[in-house]
Every structure is written in C-alpha cells, then in structure tokens.
Protein backbone atom coordinates (compact mmCIF):
# COMPACT_ATOMS: atom_id res chain seq x y z
CA MET A 1 26.91 -107.02 -24.55
CA GLU A 2 25.02 -103.92 -25.67
CA LYS A 3 26.69 -100.57 -25.58
CA ARG A 4 24.73 -97.81 -23.90
CA THR A 5 24.96 -94.34 -25.31
CA ILE A 6 24.22 -91.35 -23.12
CA GLU A 7 23.10 -88.31 -25.06
CA ILE A 8 23.10 -84.86 -23.55
CA SER A 9 20.99 -82.35 -25.41
CA TRP A 10 22.03 -78.75 -25.97
CA PRO A 11 19.17 -77.44 -23.79
CA THR A 12 20.47 -79.59 -20.91
CA ILE A 13 24.01 -78.27 -21.39
CA PHE A 14 22.64 -74.74 -21.52
CA ARG A 15 20.74 -75.25 -18.25
CA ILE A 16 23.81 -76.68 -16.52
CA LEU A 17 25.85 -73.71 -17.74
CA LEU A 18 23.22 -71.28 -16.48
CA VAL A 19 23.18 -72.93 -13.05
CA PHE A 20 26.98 -72.81 -12.91
CA LEU A 21 27.04 -69.12 -13.88
CA LEU A 22 24.34 -68.39 -11.30
CA ILE A 23 26.40 -70.06 -8.57
CA VAL A 24 29.52 -68.11 -9.60
CA PHE A 25 27.52 -64.87 -9.64
CA LEU A 26 25.98 -65.49 -6.22
CA TYR A 27 29.41 -66.27 -4.78
CA ALA A 28 30.82 -63.07 -6.26
CA VAL A 29 28.03 -60.99 -4.70
CA ARG A 30 27.63 -63.18 -1.61
CA ASP A 31 27.75 -60.18 0.75
CA ILE A 32 24.86 -58.49 -1.05
CA ALA A 33 22.98 -61.80 -1.32
CA ALA A 34 23.44 -62.34 2.42
CA ILE A 35 22.05 -58.87 3.16
CA LEU A 36 19.00 -59.52 0.97
CA PHE A 37 18.38 -62.90 2.54
CA LEU A 38 18.79 -61.56 6.08
CA ALA A 39 16.30 -58.80 5.22
CA LEU A 40 13.90 -61.49 3.98
CA VAL A 41 14.35 -63.42 7.23
CA ILE A 42 13.63 -60.33 9.34
CA ALA A 43 10.60 -59.41 7.23
CA SER A 44 9.34 -63.00 7.42
CA ALA A 45 9.60 -62.92 11.21
CA ILE A 46 7.60 -59.67 11.37
CA ASP A 47 5.01 -60.64 8.74
CA PRO A 48 2.86 -62.98 10.91
CA LEU A 49 2.57 -60.30 13.59
CA ALA A 50 1.67 -57.65 11.01
CA GLN A 51 -0.97 -59.92 9.47
CA TRP A 52 -2.49 -60.68 12.88
CA PHE A 53 -2.83 -56.98 13.74
CA GLU A 54 -4.21 -56.26 10.27
CA LYS A 55 -7.05 -58.68 10.98
CA LYS A 56 -7.71 -56.70 14.18
CA GLY A 57 -8.01 -53.49 12.17
CA VAL A 58 -4.56 -52.07 12.97
CA SER A 59 -2.63 -50.52 10.09
CA ARG A 60 0.24 -52.66 8.82
CA ILE A 61 2.57 -49.66 8.63
CA PHE A 62 1.77 -48.74 12.24
CA THR A 63 2.50 -52.31 13.40
CA VAL A 64 5.82 -52.51 11.55
CA LEU A 65 6.87 -49.07 12.79
CA ALA A 66 5.98 -50.08 16.35
CA VAL A 67 8.08 -53.26 16.05
CA TYR A 68 11.14 -51.42 14.71
CA LEU A 69 10.86 -48.53 17.18
CA THR A 70 10.47 -50.98 20.06
CA ALA A 71 13.51 -52.96 18.90
CA PHE A 72 15.69 -49.86 18.51
CA GLY A 73 14.43 -48.42 21.78
CA PHE A 74 15.25 -51.66 23.60
CA ILE A 75 18.74 -51.76 22.09
CA GLY A 76 19.31 -48.10 22.98
CA PHE A 77 18.17 -48.72 26.55
CA LEU A 78 20.55 -51.66 26.90
CA VAL A 79 23.46 -49.62 25.56
CA TYR A 80 22.61 -46.83 28.01
CA LEU A 81 22.40 -49.38 30.83
CA ILE A 82 25.42 -51.50 29.98
CA VAL A 83 28.13 -49.17 28.63
CA PRO A 84 28.61 -47.12 31.85
CA VAL A 85 28.84 -50.33 33.86
CA LEU A 86 31.40 -51.82 31.48
CA LEU A 87 33.54 -48.68 31.44
CA MET A 88 33.51 -48.45 35.23
CA GLU A 89 34.43 -52.11 35.65
CA ILE A 90 37.18 -51.87 33.04
CA ARG A 91 38.73 -48.95 34.93
CA GLU A 92 38.51 -50.92 38.17
CA LEU A 93 40.09 -53.97 36.52
CA SER A 94 42.96 -51.85 35.18
CA ALA A 95 43.49 -50.38 38.65
CA VAL A 96 43.58 -53.67 40.56
CA MET A 97 45.51 -55.71 38.00
CA PRO A 98 48.97 -54.67 39.32
CA ALA A 99 47.94 -55.87 42.79
CA TYR A 100 46.87 -59.20 41.30
CA VAL A 101 50.24 -59.50 39.55
CA GLU A 102 52.06 -58.80 42.82
CA LYS A 103 50.06 -61.53 44.56
CA ILE A 104 50.99 -63.96 41.81
CA ASN A 105 54.65 -62.92 42.09
CA SER A 106 54.59 -63.55 45.84
CA PHE A 107 53.10 -66.97 45.23
CA ILE A 108 55.78 -67.74 42.64
CA ARG A 109 58.58 -66.70 45.03
CA THR A 110 57.35 -69.18 47.61
CA ILE A 111 57.32 -72.02 45.09
CA GLN A 112 60.28 -71.58 42.76
CA PRO A 113 62.52 -68.52 43.22
CA ALA A 114 64.68 -69.38 40.21
CA THR A 115 61.86 -68.75 37.78
CA GLU A 116 60.65 -65.59 39.51
CA GLN A 117 62.36 -63.10 37.19
CA ASN A 118 61.24 -64.72 33.94
CA LEU A 119 57.67 -65.16 35.06
CA THR A 120 57.55 -61.65 36.45
CA GLU A 121 58.64 -60.18 33.13
CA THR A 122 56.10 -62.37 31.32
CA LEU A 123 53.31 -61.24 33.62
CA LYS A 124 54.31 -57.61 33.26
CA GLY A 125 54.27 -57.96 29.49
CA PHE A 126 50.86 -59.59 29.68
CA LEU A 127 49.64 -56.80 31.95
CA ARG A 128 50.80 -54.13 29.49
CA GLN A 129 49.03 -55.90 26.64
CA LEU A 130 45.88 -56.36 28.69
CA GLU A 131 45.80 -52.72 29.76
CA GLY A 132 46.26 -51.67 26.13
CA SER A 133 43.43 -53.98 25.08
CA LEU A 134 41.17 -52.66 27.82
CA GLY A 135 41.86 -49.13 26.67
CA LEU A 136 40.80 -50.04 23.15
CA VAL A 137 37.51 -51.56 24.28
CA ALA A 138 35.87 -48.24 25.05
CA SER A 139 37.20 -46.42 21.98
CA ASN A 140 36.38 -49.24 19.55
CA SER A 141 33.14 -50.56 21.05
CA LEU A 142 30.93 -48.92 18.41
CA GLU A 143 33.16 -50.15 15.59
CA ALA A 144 33.05 -53.66 17.02
CA VAL A 145 29.26 -53.68 17.12
CA ILE A 146 29.05 -52.40 13.54
CA ALA A 147 31.63 -54.96 12.36
CA VAL A 148 29.41 -57.77 13.64
CA PHE A 149 26.88 -56.91 10.95
CA GLY A 150 29.51 -56.50 8.24
CA GLY A 151 29.75 -52.71 8.39
CA ILE A 152 27.39 -49.81 8.87
CA THR A 153 26.33 -49.87 5.21
CA SER A 154 25.25 -53.50 5.46
CA LEU A 155 23.35 -52.79 8.68
CA VAL A 156 21.48 -49.83 7.17
CA LEU A 157 20.68 -51.74 3.96
CA THR A 158 19.39 -54.73 5.92
CA VAL A 159 17.10 -52.56 8.05
CA VAL A 160 15.83 -50.49 5.11
CA ILE A 161 15.13 -53.49 2.85
CA SER A 162 13.46 -55.52 5.60
CA PHE A 163 11.34 -52.49 6.58
CA TYR A 164 10.29 -51.90 2.97
CA LEU A 165 9.34 -55.55 2.50
CA SER A 166 7.44 -55.59 5.79
CA ILE A 167 5.22 -52.55 5.26
CA GLN A 168 3.90 -53.77 1.91
CA PRO A 169 1.14 -56.40 1.94
CA ARG A 170 2.63 -59.48 0.27
CA GLY A 171 5.81 -57.44 -0.15
CA ILE A 172 8.07 -60.49 0.08
CA ASP A 173 5.96 -62.43 -2.43
CA ASN A 174 6.01 -59.53 -4.90
CA PHE A 175 9.77 -59.17 -4.49
CA LEU A 176 10.35 -62.85 -5.26
CA ARG A 177 7.96 -62.80 -8.21
CA ALA A 178 9.94 -59.92 -9.70
CA LEU A 179 13.15 -61.96 -9.49
CA THR A 180 11.74 -65.29 -10.71
CA PRO A 181 11.32 -66.33 -14.36
CA LEU A 182 7.65 -66.81 -15.22
CA HIS A 183 8.14 -70.51 -16.01
CA TYR A 184 9.32 -71.24 -12.44
CA GLU A 185 7.22 -68.66 -10.62
CA GLU A 186 4.57 -71.07 -9.34
CA TYR A 187 7.13 -73.51 -8.00
CA VAL A 188 9.31 -70.80 -6.43
CA MET A 189 6.32 -69.27 -4.63
CA ASP A 190 5.26 -72.69 -3.35
CA LEU A 191 8.84 -73.34 -2.18
CA TRP A 192 8.95 -69.95 -0.47
CA THR A 193 5.61 -70.51 1.28
CA ARG A 194 6.90 -73.73 2.81
CA SER A 195 10.32 -72.29 3.59
CA LYS A 196 8.78 -69.17 5.15
CA ARG A 197 7.08 -71.32 7.78
CA LYS A 198 10.44 -72.83 8.69
CA ILE A 199 12.14 -69.43 8.74
CA GLY A 200 9.45 -68.10 11.06
CA ARG A 201 9.91 -71.10 13.35
CA TRP A 202 13.68 -70.56 13.19
CA ALA A 203 13.24 -66.96 14.39
CA GLN A 204 11.08 -68.26 17.24
CA GLY A 205 13.77 -70.82 18.00
CA GLN A 206 16.43 -68.11 18.21
CA LEU A 207 14.29 -66.19 20.70
CA LEU A 208 13.82 -69.37 22.72
CA LEU A 209 17.57 -70.04 22.69
CA GLY A 210 18.27 -66.50 23.84
CA PHE A 211 15.80 -66.89 26.70
CA VAL A 212 17.19 -70.27 27.79
CA VAL A 213 20.83 -69.13 27.70
CA GLY A 214 19.97 -65.84 29.42
CA VAL A 215 18.20 -67.65 32.26
CA ALA A 216 21.05 -70.17 32.59
CA VAL A 217 23.65 -67.39 32.74
CA TYR A 218 21.59 -65.41 35.26
CA ILE A 219 21.16 -68.40 37.59
CA GLY A 220 24.84 -69.33 37.32
CA LEU A 221 26.12 -65.80 37.96
CA LEU A 222 23.64 -65.30 40.78
CA LEU A 223 24.83 -68.48 42.51
CA LEU A 224 28.46 -67.42 42.08
CA GLY A 225 27.73 -63.98 43.52
CA VAL A 226 28.79 -61.97 40.46
CA LYS A 227 27.74 -58.32 40.37
CA TYR A 228 25.42 -57.15 37.58
CA ALA A 229 24.21 -60.72 36.98
CA LEU A 230 20.96 -59.53 35.36
CA VAL A 231 22.71 -57.14 32.96
CA LEU A 232 25.21 -59.84 31.95
CA ALA A 233 22.38 -62.34 31.46
CA ILE A 234 20.56 -59.90 29.15
CA ILE A 235 23.77 -59.43 27.14
CA ALA A 236 24.15 -63.22 26.86
CA GLY A 237 20.54 -63.64 25.72
CA ILE A 238 20.81 -60.97 23.02
CA ALA A 239 24.20 -62.26 21.90
CA GLU A 240 22.51 -65.58 21.07
CA LEU A 241 21.40 -63.93 17.83
CA MET A 242 24.99 -64.65 16.78
CA PRO A 243 25.29 -68.47 16.94
CA ILE A 244 28.40 -69.86 18.66
CA VAL A 245 30.20 -66.48 18.65
CA GLY A 246 27.58 -64.77 20.82
CA VAL A 247 28.30 -66.78 23.93
CA LEU A 248 32.03 -66.12 23.50
CA ILE A 249 31.46 -62.36 23.41
CA SER A 250 29.12 -62.32 26.40
CA GLY A 251 31.40 -64.75 28.25
CA THR A 252 34.44 -62.52 27.78
CA ILE A 253 32.57 -59.53 29.21
CA ALA A 254 31.32 -61.56 32.18
CA VAL A 255 34.77 -62.99 32.97
CA LEU A 256 36.36 -59.53 32.94
CA LEU A 257 33.72 -58.10 35.25
CA ALA A 258 33.96 -61.07 37.62
CA ALA A 259 37.76 -60.82 37.69
CA VAL A 260 37.43 -57.31 39.13
CA GLN A 261 35.80 -58.88 42.19
CA ASP A 262 38.16 -61.83 42.46
CA LEU A 263 40.47 -63.74 40.10
CA PHE A 264 39.14 -67.09 41.29
CA LEU A 265 35.60 -65.86 40.66
CA GLY A 266 36.65 -64.88 37.15
CA ALA A 267 37.95 -68.41 36.60
CA MET A 268 34.66 -69.87 37.86
CA VAL A 269 32.67 -67.64 35.49
CA LEU A 270 34.92 -68.77 32.64
CA LEU A 271 34.16 -72.38 33.54
CA LEU A 272 30.44 -71.57 33.69
CA PHE A 273 30.43 -70.12 30.17
CA VAL A 274 32.49 -73.00 28.79
CA ILE A 275 29.90 -75.43 30.15
CA ILE A 276 27.01 -73.36 28.78
CA GLN A 277 28.71 -73.00 25.39
CA GLN A 278 29.36 -76.73 25.08
CA PHE A 279 25.84 -77.59 26.22
CA GLU A 280 24.40 -75.04 23.79
CA ASN A 281 26.41 -76.18 20.76
CA HIS A 282 25.96 -79.91 21.25
CA VAL A 283 22.53 -80.18 22.87
CA ILE A 284 20.34 -77.07 22.84
CA VAL A 285 20.95 -75.69 19.32
CA PRO A 286 20.79 -79.03 17.44
CA GLN A 287 17.76 -80.32 19.35
CA VAL A 288 15.77 -77.08 19.24
CA MET A 289 16.47 -76.59 15.55
CA ARG A 290 15.52 -80.17 14.80
CA LYS A 291 12.21 -79.81 16.64
CA ILE A 292 11.38 -76.35 15.28
CA VAL A 293 13.01 -76.15 11.85
CA GLY A 294 13.09 -79.86 11.08
CA LEU A 295 16.84 -80.15 10.43
CA SER A 296 19.09 -82.79 11.90
CA PRO A 297 21.74 -81.70 14.45
CA VAL A 298 24.56 -82.57 12.02
CA VAL A 299 23.05 -80.38 9.29
CA VAL A 300 22.62 -77.48 11.73
CA ILE A 301 26.24 -77.63 12.91
CA LEU A 302 27.61 -78.02 9.37
CA SER A 303 25.47 -75.16 8.07
CA LEU A 304 26.75 -72.88 10.86
CA LEU A 305 30.38 -73.76 10.08
CA ILE A 306 29.92 -73.33 6.32
CA GLY A 307 28.05 -70.07 6.83
CA PHE A 308 30.84 -68.70 9.00
CA ARG A 309 33.49 -69.81 6.50
CA LEU A 310 31.74 -68.15 3.56
CA GLY A 311 30.23 -65.06 5.14
CA GLY A 312 31.52 -64.61 8.68
CA ILE A 313 28.97 -63.61 11.34
CA LEU A 314 26.41 -62.59 8.71
CA GLY A 315 26.80 -65.97 7.03
CA MET A 316 26.17 -67.74 10.34
CA LEU A 317 23.01 -65.70 10.93
CA ILE A 318 21.42 -66.86 7.68
CA SER A 319 22.96 -70.34 7.49
CA VAL A 320 20.13 -72.26 9.16
CA PRO A 321 17.33 -70.58 7.12
CA VAL A 322 19.31 -71.26 3.94
CA ALA A 323 19.75 -74.89 4.98
CA ALA A 324 15.99 -75.12 5.60
CA MET A 325 15.24 -73.82 2.10
CA LEU A 326 17.80 -76.15 0.52
CA GLY A 327 16.23 -79.02 2.44
CA GLU A 328 12.82 -78.22 0.94
CA PHE A 329 14.37 -77.93 -2.53
CA TRP A 330 16.17 -81.25 -2.18
CA SER A 331 12.98 -82.90 -1.00
CA ASP A 332 11.22 -81.59 -4.10
CA PHE A 333 14.08 -82.78 -6.28
CA GLU A 334 13.78 -86.29 -4.90
CA LYS A 335 10.05 -86.25 -5.53
CA ARG A 336 10.66 -85.04 -9.09
CA LYS A 337 8.62 -81.88 -8.60
CA ILE A 338 10.98 -79.91 -10.78
CA GLU A 339 12.20 -80.71 -14.26
CA ALA A 340 15.47 -82.52 -14.63
C-alpha cells in the first residue's frame, strides 16, 4: 500500500497565517468594521436612486442631500408627533395604575383571602418598580435611541461615511479599490458588483417588511379600538429596521398605551404583537429574504442570531448583507474562481 505524502508549501502557510491574522484583526475592530459596512449598505441603497437622477440631469450631490434631509426631516416629524403622545399616556398610566391594583386586590379578596396580604405587597412592589421605570422612559429616551446605534459617535460616523461615499460617483468602488491588493482587485470588484445587487434588494426587502408589519399592526389595533393606532403602526414599521428587536420595542410601547385604556385591551395588544412577531420571524422574514436576497430561511435566522451575538443591534442590521456576500464568496470558492 502506497504512502501518500501531503506537502504544504511556505507560501500556503503564509497565506493561511495572513487570513488568520485578518480574522483576528477584524474581530478586534468589529465595531469599526460594522460601522464601515453599515455605511456601505446605506450608500449602496442610495446609489441606484442617485444614478437614476443623474441620468435625468439632476446633480448627484443634490439628490443625496435631498435623500438625507428627507430622512432626517421624517424622523424629526415622527419624534415631534410621537413623544408628546407617549409622555401624556405614560402620565395617565401612572395615574390609573393604583386603581387597577385596587381592582385586582378586590378580585383576590373574593377568591382567596388568605393570600391577599402577600399578593398585595407583591403588586405594590411591582407598581413602585413600574412607576420608577415609567419615570425613566422620558429622561432616558434619547439615550435609548442613541444606544440602538451603538452610541452617538457610531451614528455620526455611519452617517458621515455613507454620505461621503454616496456623493462621489463610483465612491464605493474607489473606496474598495483603495483597500484591496492589486492582485485581487478585479475579483473583489466583481464580487462587490454581485453583492451590491443583493444588498440593494435587501434594503428594498426591509422597506417591504416595514410596510407589511406597519399595515398589520394598524389593522389589528384599529379592530381592537386602540387609540393612536396610526402612530403606533408607523413606529412598528420604522422599528422593523431592527430585525426581531424592533417589534419588541414597538410592541412594548403599544401595550403600555393600550393598558391606559383598559388592562384587558393591553393584554389583547400583547397577544397581537406576539402573533405578529412569531409570524414575522418564522414566515415573513425568511420567505422575503429568500425571494429577494436569495438566502435560505435557516441562513437568514442564523445570520441574525450570530450578528446579534457578535455586534448587538448593529450586528443584526448588517448580518443579512454580510451573509449575502459570504454566500457569493462561497459560491466562487466552489467554482474555483479564486486561487486555493
């Protein structure tokens, strides 16, 4: 029986070492890498619109400025519309909560008097904690929004980098060429061209998901008779930019506002959002991403979980585009388009 000898050349060892060091480096600076990639995703989503207007004779800078100003104006309008409503409802909830506790106590006394004292103390403790939490909502709302994006510095850097890449013709391509060794430049640009199409479709898919969830929430809240159904639906639609977590945030707000009207109504709204969240996670997100981005439902769910584990909310935001790029790279690897 012949003995087979496997020889590994020094260049191969050197390449493996370089790849390993690159992975270690990217993990060490994963927050910065996530900001850069998110900026690329935003710029890629804006680029087709900027190119279309350029063909119509409209300046690229004007188009990009219009997009950013419209986005910030819309966000500012929503904050102006939503925050007063939330603060008013939170005050109302704090005011009526003792009455709700008394109703629950009366119900407990009719069922099991022996446990009345213990449950009363528990409910009072819960009430104190809830009132304290409600008081923190208003004071920490801005910090909470900023924390979603990993801090104000990360938010500013993401906006500035994406804006800079967007206003330059072929700005993304030039940025990638500057980072890529000349030997791999042609392949990397080809990989980016294919991945960019998927990233653009992913951005469209996120908008579609936001619209679908927003409509579903609006119809559900309208049927239940919840006040401010349209405002809550808009919050739910925008929150879809944060996969999985978004519906939890918007659901919490909706449940609190509904509970001001009636505790049973609050429970029904909670049930509504649980149903929507389960339907979204197991049906809408996997199927839409498979149709639009070309990834299987299992890959989408795993990428979201891994992204959240490695980078929190920011990691979840870029997880599907990263998975799309890795899918293209793996496909090339199987076809032997790159050197072993």
